[in-house]
């Protein structure tokens, strides 16, 4: 029998995350356990990264410091519009 050189990781169906999956029954229980451990570790890293990003995004004081100029310009424009609307409504009476 001739070997094609392809391993189970390069042939077979594609999983939901885009990686190749070995045909059913071709992996040992130890390989499956190792894959589960690897996936759990990867998931834990991704959850930690999301938790860190969430804390950055929801830190209001940090956001204000980072975007102070934009906030001040927005407040000035809003104040101008509200003031103009009040003045216009008084003028029409």
PDB file of N, CA and C in Angstrom:
ATOM      1  N   UNK A   1       0.834  -1.187   0.000  1.00  0.00           N
ATOM      2  CA  UNK A   1       0.000   0.000   0.000  1.00  0.00           C
ATOM      3  C   UNK A   1       0.871   1.240   0.000  1.00  0.00           C
ATOM      4  N   UNK A   2       0.577   2.196  -0.840  1.00  0.00           N
ATOM      5  CA  UNK A   2       1.377   3.397  -0.970  1.00  0.00           C
ATOM      6  C   UNK A   2       0.837   4.502  -0.070  1.00  0.00           C
ATOM      7  N   UNK A   3       1.720   5.231   0.601  1.00  0.00           N
ATOM      8  CA  UNK A   3       1.324   6.324   1.487  1.00  0.00           C
ATOM      9  C   UNK A   3       1.247   7.617   0.688  1.00  0.00           C
ATOM     10  N   UNK A   4       0.204   8.380   0.921  1.00  0.00           N
ATOM     11  CA  UNK A   4       0.045   9.656   0.208  1.00  0.00           C
ATOM     12  C   UNK A   4       0.734  10.786   0.938  1.00  0.00           C
ATOM     13  N   UNK A   5       1.135  10.533   2.205  1.00  0.00           N
ATOM     14  CA  UNK A   5       1.811  11.574   2.961  1.00  0.00           C
ATOM     15  C   UNK A   5       0.848  12.508   3.655  1.00  0.00           C
ATOM     16  N   UNK A   6      -0.438  12.328   3.439  1.00  0.00           N
ATOM     17  CA  UNK A   6      -1.420  13.206   4.073  1.00  0.00           C
ATOM     18  C   UNK A   6      -1.769  12.656   5.444  1.00  0.00           C
ATOM     19  N   UNK A   7      -1.786  13.512   6.414  1.00  0.00           N
ATOM     20  CA  UNK A   7      -2.158  13.105   7.766  1.00  0.00           C
ATOM     21  C   UNK A   7      -3.638  13.398   7.981  1.00  0.00           C
ATOM     22  N   UNK A   8      -4.238  12.834   9.027  1.00  0.00           N
ATOM     23  CA  UNK A   8      -5.653  13.113   9.299  1.00  0.00           C
ATOM     24  C   UNK A   8      -5.929  14.599   9.494  1.00  0.00           C
ATOM     25  N   UNK A   9      -4.913  15.379   9.864  1.00  0.00           N
ATOM     26  CA  UNK A   9      -5.114  16.811  10.077  1.00  0.00           C
ATOM     27  C   UNK A   9      -5.207  17.595   8.770  1.00  0.00           C
ATOM     28  N   UNK A  10      -4.780  17.005   7.653  1.00  0.00           N
ATOM     29  CA  UNK A  10      -4.821  17.723   6.378  1.00  0.00           C
ATOM     30  C   UNK A  10      -5.878  17.177   5.438  1.00  0.00           C
ATOM     31  N   UNK A  11      -6.560  16.113   5.828  1.00  0.00           N
ATOM     32  CA  UNK A  11      -7.621  15.559   5.002  1.00  0.00           C
ATOM     33  C   UNK A  11      -8.875  15.408   5.837  1.00  0.00           C
ATOM     34  N   UNK A  12      -9.973  15.158   5.182  1.00  0.00           N
ATOM     35  CA  UNK A  12     -11.216  14.958   5.912  1.00  0.00           C
ATOM     36  C   UNK A  12     -12.065  16.209   5.910  1.00  0.00           C
ATOM     37  N   UNK A  13     -13.204  16.111   6.566  1.00  0.00           N
ATOM     38  CA  UNK A  13     -14.129  17.248   6.584  1.00  0.00           C
ATOM     39  C   UNK A  13     -13.566  18.437   7.359  1.00  0.00           C
ATOM     40  N   UNK A  14     -14.188  19.578   7.151  1.00  0.00           N
ATOM     41  CA  UNK A  14     -13.770  20.811   7.817  1.00  0.00           C
ATOM     42  C   UNK A  14     -14.755  21.093   8.945  1.00  0.00           C
ATOM     43  N   UNK A  15     -14.230  21.429  10.128  1.00  0.00           N
ATOM     44  CA  UNK A  15     -15.084  21.711  11.282  1.00  0.00           C
ATOM     45  C   UNK A  15     -15.641  23.128  11.192  1.00  0.00           C
ATOM     46  N   UNK A  16     -16.447  23.492  12.184  1.00  0.00           N
ATOM     47  CA  UNK A  16     -17.057  24.817  12.221  1.00  0.00           C
ATOM     48  C   UNK A  16     -16.051  25.938  12.353  1.00  0.00           C
ATOM     49  N   UNK A  17     -14.871  25.674  12.925  1.00  0.00           N
ATOM     50  CA  UNK A  17     -13.864  26.726  13.072  1.00  0.00           C
ATOM     51  C   UNK A  17     -12.881  26.767  11.911  1.00  0.00           C
ATOM     52  N   UNK A  18     -13.135  25.983  10.862  1.00  0.00           N
ATOM     53  CA  UNK A  18     -12.311  26.031   9.661  1.00  0.00           C
ATOM     54  C   UNK A  18     -11.153  25.061   9.632  1.00  0.00           C
ATOM     55  N   UNK A  19     -10.912  24.326  10.725  1.00  0.00           N
ATOM     56  CA  UNK A  19      -9.807  23.369  10.723  1.00  0.00           C
ATOM     57  C   UNK A  19     -10.292  22.020  10.217  1.00  0.00           C
ATOM     58  N   UNK A  20      -9.356  21.226   9.727  1.00  0.00           N
ATOM     59  CA  UNK A  20      -9.686  19.897   9.226  1.00  0.00           C
ATOM     60  C   UNK A  20      -9.962  18.961  10.394  1.00  0.00           C
ATOM     61  N   UNK A  21     -10.901  18.084  10.216  1.00  0.00           N
ATOM     62  CA  UNK A  21     -11.267  17.100  11.234  1.00  0.00           C
ATOM     63  C   UNK A  21     -10.947  15.718  10.688  1.00  0.00           C
ATOM     64  N   UNK A  22     -10.365  14.886  11.542  1.00  0.00           N
ATOM     65  CA  UNK A  22     -10.061  13.517  11.133  1.00  0.00           C
ATOM     66  C   UNK A  22     -11.373  12.765  10.932  1.00  0.00           C
ATOM     67  N   UNK A  23     -11.390  11.827  10.002  1.00  0.00           N
ATOM     68  CA  UNK A  23     -12.605  11.033   9.783  1.00  0.00           C
ATOM     69  C   UNK A  23     -13.019  10.336  11.081  1.00  0.00           C
ATOM     70  N   UNK A  24     -14.329  10.135  11.287  1.00  0.00           N
ATOM     71  CA  UNK A  24     -14.802   9.496  12.515  1.00  0.00           C
ATOM     72  C   UNK A  24     -14.137   8.147  12.734  1.00  0.00           C
ATOM     73  N   UNK A  25     -13.761   7.891  13.974  1.00  0.00           N
ATOM     74  CA  UNK A  25     -13.155   6.612  14.323  1.00  0.00           C
ATOM     75  C   UNK A  25     -11.662   6.527  14.093  1.00  0.00           C
ATOM     76  N   UNK A  26     -11.034   7.563  13.543  1.00  0.00           N
ATOM     77  CA  UNK A  26      -9.609   7.485  13.240  1.00  0.00           C
ATOM     78  C   UNK A  26      -8.744   8.070  14.352  1.00  0.00           C
ATOM     79  N   UNK A  27      -9.365   8.708  15.385  1.00  0.00           N
ATOM     80  CA  UNK A  27      -8.580   9.291  16.478  1.00  0.00           C
ATOM     81  C   UNK A  27      -8.776   8.468  17.748  1.00  0.00           C
ATOM     82  N   UNK A  28      -7.723   8.399  18.529  1.00  0.00           N
ATOM     83  CA  UNK A  28      -7.798   7.658  19.787  1.00  0.00           C
ATOM     84  C   UNK A  28      -8.441   8.533  20.852  1.00  0.00           C
ATOM     85  N   UNK A  29      -8.831   7.921  21.950  1.00  0.00           N
ATOM     86  CA  UNK A  29      -9.423   8.665  23.063  1.00  0.00           C
ATOM     87  C   UNK A  29      -8.428   9.684  23.611  1.00  0.00           C
ATOM     88  N   UNK A  30      -7.158   9.331  23.646  1.00  0.00           N
ATOM     89  CA  UNK A  30      -6.131  10.243  24.143  1.00  0.00           C
ATOM     90  C   UNK A  30      -6.017  11.477  23.248  1.00  0.00           C
ATOM     91  N   UNK A  31      -6.101  11.272  21.933  1.00  0.00           N
ATOM     92  CA  UNK A  31      -6.039  12.405  20.997  1.00  0.00           C
ATOM     93  C   UNK A  31      -7.252  13.318  21.186  1.00  0.00           C
ATOM     94  N   UNK A  32      -8.399  12.717  21.385  1.00  0.00           N
ATOM     95  CA  UNK A  32      -9.617  13.517  21.594  1.00  0.00           C
ATOM     96  C   UNK A  32      -9.507  14.304  22.892  1.00  0.00           C
ATOM     97  N   UNK A  33      -9.018  13.647  23.977  1.00  0.00           N
ATOM     98  CA  UNK A  33      -8.835  14.352  25.252  1.00  0.00           C
ATOM     99  C   UNK A  33      -7.856  15.501  25.098  1.00  0.00           C
ATOM    100  N   UNK A  34      -6.747  15.264  24.380  1.00  0.00           N
ATOM    101  CA  UNK A  34      -5.763  16.328  24.154  1.00  0.00           C
ATOM    102  C   UNK A  34      -6.387  17.504  23.403  1.00  0.00           C
ATOM    103  N   UNK A  35      -7.202  17.205  22.410  1.00  0.00           N
ATOM    104  CA  UNK A  35      -7.888  18.267  21.663  1.00  0.00           C
ATOM    105  C   UNK A  35      -8.832  19.057  22.565  1.00  0.00           C
ATOM    106  N   UNK A  36      -9.538  18.361  23.439  1.00  0.00           N
ATOM    107  CA  UNK A  36     -10.459  19.035  24.357  1.00  0.00           C
ATOM    108  C   UNK A  36      -9.686  19.946  25.306  1.00  0.00           C
ATOM    109  N   UNK A  37      -8.568  19.451  25.835  1.00  0.00           N
ATOM    110  CA  UNK A  37      -7.733  20.261  26.729  1.00  0.00           C
ATOM    111  C   UNK A  37      -7.237  21.494  25.990  1.00  0.00           C
ATOM    112  N   UNK A  38      -6.763  21.304  24.760  1.00  0.00           N
ATOM    113  CA  UNK A  38      -6.270  22.422  23.954  1.00  0.00           C
ATOM    114  C   UNK A  38      -7.386  23.452  23.718  1.00  0.00           C
ATOM    115  N   UNK A  39      -8.570  22.970  23.347  1.00  0.00           N
ATOM    116  CA  UNK A  39      -9.696  23.883  23.092  1.00  0.00           C
ATOM    117  C   UNK A  39     -10.100  24.635  24.350  1.00  0.00           C
ATOM    118  N   UNK A  40     -10.090  23.959  25.513  1.00  0.00           N
ATOM    119  CA  UNK A  40     -10.423  24.632  26.776  1.00  0.00           C
ATOM    120  C   UNK A  40      -9.421  25.722  27.093  1.00  0.00           C
ATOM    121  N   UNK A  41      -8.135  25.429  26.890  1.00  0.00           N
ATOM    122  CA  UNK A  41      -7.097  26.429  27.149  1.00  0.00           C
ATOM    123  C   UNK A  41      -7.261  27.628  26.220  1.00  0.00           C
ATOM    124  N   UNK A  42      -7.527  27.357  24.950  1.00  0.00           N
ATOM    125  CA  UNK A  42      -7.723  28.437  23.987  1.00  0.00           C
ATOM    126  C   UNK A  42      -8.952  29.260  24.356  1.00  0.00           C
ATOM    127  N   UNK A  43     -10.029  28.600  24.740  1.00  0.00           N
ATOM    128  CA  UNK A  43     -11.245  29.296  25.147  1.00  0.00           C
ATOM    129  C   UNK A  43     -10.994  30.156  26.381  1.00  0.00           C
ATOM    130  N   UNK A  44     -10.232  29.638  27.340  1.00  0.00           N
ATOM    131  CA  UNK A  44      -9.912  30.398  28.547  1.00  0.00           C
ATOM    132  C   UNK A  44      -9.124  31.661  28.204  1.00  0.00           C
ATOM    133  N   UNK A  45      -8.166  31.540  27.276  1.00  0.00           N
ATOM    134  CA  UNK A  45      -7.398  32.723  26.859  1.00  0.00           C
ATOM    135  C   UNK A  45      -8.300  33.749  26.185  1.00  0.00           C
ATOM    136  N   UNK A  46      -9.201  33.281  25.342  1.00  0.00           N
ATOM    137  CA  UNK A  46     -10.093  34.200  24.638  1.00  0.00           C
ATOM    138  C   UNK A  46     -11.071  34.879  25.597  1.00  0.00           C
ATOM    139  N   UNK A  47     -11.559  34.140  26.585  1.00  0.00           N
ATOM    140  CA  UNK A  47     -12.453  34.728  27.587  1.00  0.00           C
ATOM    141  C   UNK A  47     -11.706  35.779  28.396  1.00  0.00           C
ATOM    142  N   UNK A  48     -10.465  35.483  28.783  1.00  0.00           N
ATOM    143  CA  UNK A  48      -9.662  36.465  29.515  1.00  0.00           C
ATOM    144  C   UNK A  48      -9.439  37.726  28.687  1.00  0.00           C
ATOM    145  N   UNK A  49      -9.150  37.554  27.393  1.00  0.00           N
ATOM    146  CA  UNK A  49      -8.947  38.712  26.518  1.00  0.00           C
ATOM    147  C   UNK A  49     -10.235  39.530  26.394  1.00  0.00           C
ATOM    148  N   UNK A  50     -11.370  38.857  26.260  1.00  0.00           N
ATOM    149  CA  UNK A  50     -12.647  39.569  26.182  1.00  0.00           C
ATOM    150  C   UNK A  50     -12.956  40.285  27.488  1.00  0.00           C
ATOM    151  N   UNK A  51     -12.672  39.634  28.611  1.00  0.00           N
ATOM    152  CA  UNK A  51     -12.905  40.254  29.914  1.00  0.00           C
ATOM    153  C   UNK A  51     -12.059  41.528  30.051  1.00  0.00           C
ATOM    154  N   UNK A  52     -10.799  41.450  29.622  1.00  0.00           N
ATOM    155  CA  UNK A  52      -9.913  42.621  29.683  1.00  0.00           C
ATOM    156  C   UNK A  52     -10.432  43.740  28.783  1.00  0.00           C
ATOM    157  N   UNK A  53     -10.826  43.386  27.567  1.00  0.00           N
ATOM    158  CA  UNK A  53     -11.344  44.385  26.623  1.00  0.00           C
ATOM    159  C   UNK A  53     -12.630  45.015  27.165  1.00  0.00           C
ATOM    160  N   UNK A  54     -13.510  44.183  27.754  1.00  0.00           N
ATOM    161  CA  UNK A  54     -14.769  44.685  28.317  1.00  0.00           C
ATOM    162  C   UNK A  54     -14.485  45.688  29.426  1.00  0.00           C
ATOM    163  N   UNK A  55     -13.508  45.391  30.285  1.00  0.00           N
ATOM    164  CA  UNK A  55     -13.192  46.313  31.379  1.00  0.00           C
ATOM    165  C   UNK A  55     -12.646  47.634  30.839  1.00  0.00           C
ATOM    166  N   UNK A  56     -11.897  47.586  29.753  1.00  0.00           N
ATOM    167  CA  UNK A  56     -11.401  48.823  29.138  1.00  0.00           C
ATOM    168  C   UNK A  56     -12.541  49.650  28.548  1.00  0.00           C
ATOM    169  N   UNK A  57     -13.434  48.991  27.840  1.00  0.00           N
ATOM    170  CA  UNK A  57     -14.523  49.691  27.157  1.00  0.00           C
ATOM    171  C   UNK A  57     -15.506  50.290  28.151  1.00  0.00           C
ATOM    172  N   UNK A  58     -15.752  49.605  29.263  1.00  0.00           N
ATOM    173  CA  UNK A  58     -16.742  50.084  30.224  1.00  0.00           C
ATOM    174  C   UNK A  58     -16.150  50.996  31.291  1.00  0.00           C
ATOM    175  N   UNK A  59     -14.865  51.291  31.221  1.00  0.00           N
ATOM    176  CA  UNK A  59     -14.227  52.215  32.159  1.00  0.00           C
ATOM    177  C   UNK A  59     -14.507  53.644  31.685  1.00  0.00           C
ATOM    178  N   UNK A  60     -15.541  54.246  32.270  1.00  0.00           N
ATOM    179  CA  UNK A  60     -16.011  55.557  31.813  1.00  0.00           C
ATOM    180  C   UNK A  60     -14.933  56.616  31.990  1.00  0.00           C
ATOM    181  N   UNK A  61     -14.263  56.629  33.119  1.00  0.00           N
ATOM    182  CA  UNK A  61     -13.222  57.644  33.358  1.00  0.00           C
ATOM    183  C   UNK A  61     -12.114  57.546  32.312  1.00  0.00           C
ATOM    184  N   UNK A  62     -11.724  56.321  31.988  1.00  0.00           N
ATOM    185  CA  UNK A  62     -10.678  56.131  30.970  1.00  0.00           C
ATOM    186  C   UNK A  62     -11.162  56.610  29.607  1.00  0.00           C
ATOM    187  N   UNK A  63     -12.418  56.303  29.281  1.00  0.00           N
ATOM    188  CA  UNK A  63     -12.973  56.727  27.997  1.00  0.00           C
ATOM    189  C   UNK A  63     -13.031  58.253  27.905  1.00  0.00           C
ATOM    190  N   UNK A  64     -13.397  58.895  29.006  1.00  0.00           N
ATOM    191  CA  UNK A  64     -13.459  60.365  29.007  1.00  0.00           C
ATOM    192  C   UNK A  64     -12.066  60.944  28.810  1.00  0.00           C
ATOM    193  N   UNK A  65     -11.077  60.400  29.516  1.00  0.00           N
ATOM    194  CA  UNK A  65      -9.699  60.890  29.341  1.00  0.00           C
ATOM    195  C   UNK A  65      -9.222  60.683  27.906  1.00  0.00           C
ATOM    196  N   UNK A  66      -9.562  59.545  27.322  1.00  0.00           N
ATOM    197  CA  UNK A  66      -9.080  59.212  25.975  1.00  0.00           C
ATOM    198  C   UNK A  66      -9.763  60.048  24.899  1.00  0.00           C
ATOM    199  N   UNK A  67     -11.002  60.482  25.158  1.00  0.00           N
ATOM    200  CA  UNK A  67     -11.776  61.177  24.123  1.00  0.00           C
ATOM    201  C   UNK A  67     -12.256  62.553  24.586  1.00  0.00           C
ATOM    202  N   UNK A  68     -11.473  63.193  25.422  1.00  0.00           N
ATOM    203  CA  UNK A  68     -11.869  64.472  26.018  1.00  0.00           C
ATOM    204  C   UNK A  68     -12.217  65.520  24.954  1.00  0.00           C
ATOM    205  N   UNK A  69     -11.383  65.689  23.960  1.00  0.00           N
ATOM    206  CA  UNK A  69     -11.610  66.715  22.937  1.00  0.00           C
ATOM    207  C   UNK A  69     -12.916  66.455  22.186  1.00  0.00           C
ATOM    208  N   UNK A  70     -13.140  65.221  21.788  1.00  0.00           N
ATOM    209  CA  UNK A  70     -14.368  64.885  21.061  1.00  0.00           C
ATOM    210  C   UNK A  70     -15.603  65.144  21.923  1.00  0.00           C
ATOM    211  N   UNK A  71     -15.508  64.821  23.195  1.00  0.00           N
ATOM    212  CA  UNK A  71     -16.634  65.037  24.100  1.00  0.00           C
ATOM    213  C   UNK A  71     -16.912  66.536  24.249  1.00  0.00           C
ATOM    214  N   UNK A  72     -15.870  67.331  24.400  1.00  0.00           N
ATOM    215  CA  UNK A  72     -16.057  68.782  24.547  1.00  0.00           C
ATOM    216  C   UNK A  72     -16.646  69.400  23.282  1.00  0.00           C
ATOM    217  N   UNK A  73     -16.181  68.968  22.130  1.00  0.00           N
ATOM    218  CA  UNK A  73     -16.728  69.484  20.869  1.00  0.00           C
ATOM    219  C   UNK A  73     -18.198  69.077  20.740  1.00  0.00           C
ATOM    220  N   UNK A  74     -18.502  67.840  21.066  1.00  0.00           N
ATOM    221  CA  UNK A  74     -19.891  67.377  21.008  1.00  0.00           C
ATOM    222  C   UNK A  74     -20.784  68.141  21.965  1.00  0.00           C
ATOM    223  N   UNK A  75     -20.297  68.402  23.176  1.00  0.00           N
ATOM    224  CA  UNK A  75     -21.081  69.165  24.150  1.00  0.00           C
ATOM    225  C   UNK A  75     -21.301  70.590  23.668  1.00  0.00           C
ATOM    226  N   UNK A  76     -20.286  71.202  23.063  1.00  0.00           N
ATOM    227  CA  UNK A  76     -20.421  72.568  22.558  1.00  0.00           C
ATOM    228  C   UNK A  76     -21.447  72.618  21.424  1.00  0.00           C
ATOM    229  N   UNK A  77     -21.392  71.662  20.522  1.00  0.00           N
ATOM    230  CA  UNK A  77     -22.351  71.620  19.411  1.00  0.00           C
ATOM    231  C   UNK A  77     -23.760  71.392  19.946  1.00  0.00           C
ATOM    232  N   UNK A  78     -23.909  70.469  20.888  1.00  0.00           N
ATOM    233  CA  UNK A  78     -25.227  70.209  21.470  1.00  0.00           C
ATOM    234  C   UNK A  78     -25.754  71.451  22.175  1.00  0.00           C
ATOM    235  N   UNK A  79     -24.898  72.126  22.921  1.00  0.00           N
ATOM    236  CA  UNK A  79     -25.308  73.360  23.604  1.00  0.00           C
ATOM    237  C   UNK A  79     -25.728  74.430  22.611  1.00  0.00           C
ATOM    238  N   UNK A  80     -24.980  74.555  21.542  1.00  0.00           N
ATOM    239  CA  UNK A  80     -25.316  75.535  20.511  1.00  0.00           C
ATOM    240  C   UNK A  80     -26.673  75.216  19.886  1.00  0.00           C
ATOM    241  N   UNK A  81     -26.922  73.961  19.579  1.00  0.00           N
ATOM    242  CA  UNK A  81     -28.185  73.558  18.969  1.00  0.00           C
ATOM    243  C   UNK A  81     -29.363  73.763  19.920  1.00  0.00           C
ATOM    244  N   UNK A  82     -29.186  73.374  21.179  1.00  0.00           N
ATOM    245  CA  UNK A  82     -30.268  73.566  22.161  1.00  0.00           C
ATOM    246  C   UNK A  82     -30.519  75.051  22.372  1.00  0.00           C
ATOM    247  N   UNK A  83     -29.468  75.814  22.520  1.00  0.00           N
ATOM    248  CA  UNK A  83     -29.621  77.270  22.684  1.00  0.00           C
ATOM    249  C   UNK A  83     -30.278  77.903  21.478  1.00  0.00           C
ATOM    250  N   UNK A  84     -29.886  77.489  20.302  1.00  0.00           N
ATOM    251  CA  UNK A  84     -30.492  78.019  19.078  1.00  0.00           C
ATOM    252  C   UNK A  84     -31.959  77.645  18.969  1.00  0.00           C
ATOM    253  N   UNK A  85     -32.298  76.434  19.349  1.00  0.00           N
ATOM    254  CA  UNK A  85     -33.698  76.002  19.301  1.00  0.00           C
ATOM    255  C   UNK A  85     -34.544  76.792  20.288  1.00  0.00           C
ATOM    256  N   UNK A  86     -34.016  77.043  21.472  1.00  0.00           N
ATOM    257  CA  UNK A  86     -34.757  77.841  22.472  1.00  0.00           C
ATOM    258  C   UNK A  86     -34.932  79.266  21.967  1.00  0.00           C
ATOM    259  N   UNK A  87     -33.880  79.854  21.444  1.00  0.00           N
ATOM    260  CA  UNK A  87     -33.967  81.231  20.952  1.00  0.00           C
ATOM    261  C   UNK A  87     -34.949  81.307  19.769  1.00  0.00           C
ATOM    262  N   UNK A  88     -34.920  80.323  18.895  1.00  0.00           N
ATOM    263  CA  UNK A  88     -35.812  80.327  17.744  1.00  0.00           C
ATOM    264  C   UNK A  88     -37.256  80.185  18.178  1.00  0.00           C
ATOM    265  N   UNK A  89     -37.521  79.340  19.168  1.00  0.00           N
ATOM    266  CA  UNK A  89     -38.896  79.150  19.625  1.00  0.00           C
ATOM    267  C   UNK A  89     -39.423  80.401  20.327  1.00  0.00           C
ATOM    268  N   UNK A  90     -38.599  81.123  21.029  1.00  0.00           N
ATOM    269  CA  UNK A  90     -39.021  82.386  21.690  1.00  0.00           C
ATOM    270  C   UNK A  90     -39.257  83.470  20.657  1.00  0.00           C
ATOM    271  N   UNK A  91     -38.503  83.464  19.617  1.00  0.00           N
ATOM    272  CA  UNK A  91     -38.610  84.497  18.582  1.00  0.00           C
ATOM    273  C   UNK A  91     -39.912  84.353  17.804  1.00  0.00           C
ATOM    274  N   UNK A  92     -40.370  83.102  17.628  1.00  0.00           N
ATOM    275  CA  UNK A  92     -41.588  82.853  16.850  1.00  0.00           C
ATOM    276  C   UNK A  92     -42.836  83.245  17.606  1.00  0.00           C
ATOM    277  N   UNK A  93     -42.801  83.374  18.918  1.00  0.00           N
ATOM    278  CA  UNK A  93     -43.994  83.712  19.714  1.00  0.00           C
ATOM    279  C   UNK A  93     -44.410  85.102  19.520  1.00  0.00           C
TER     280      UNK A  93
END
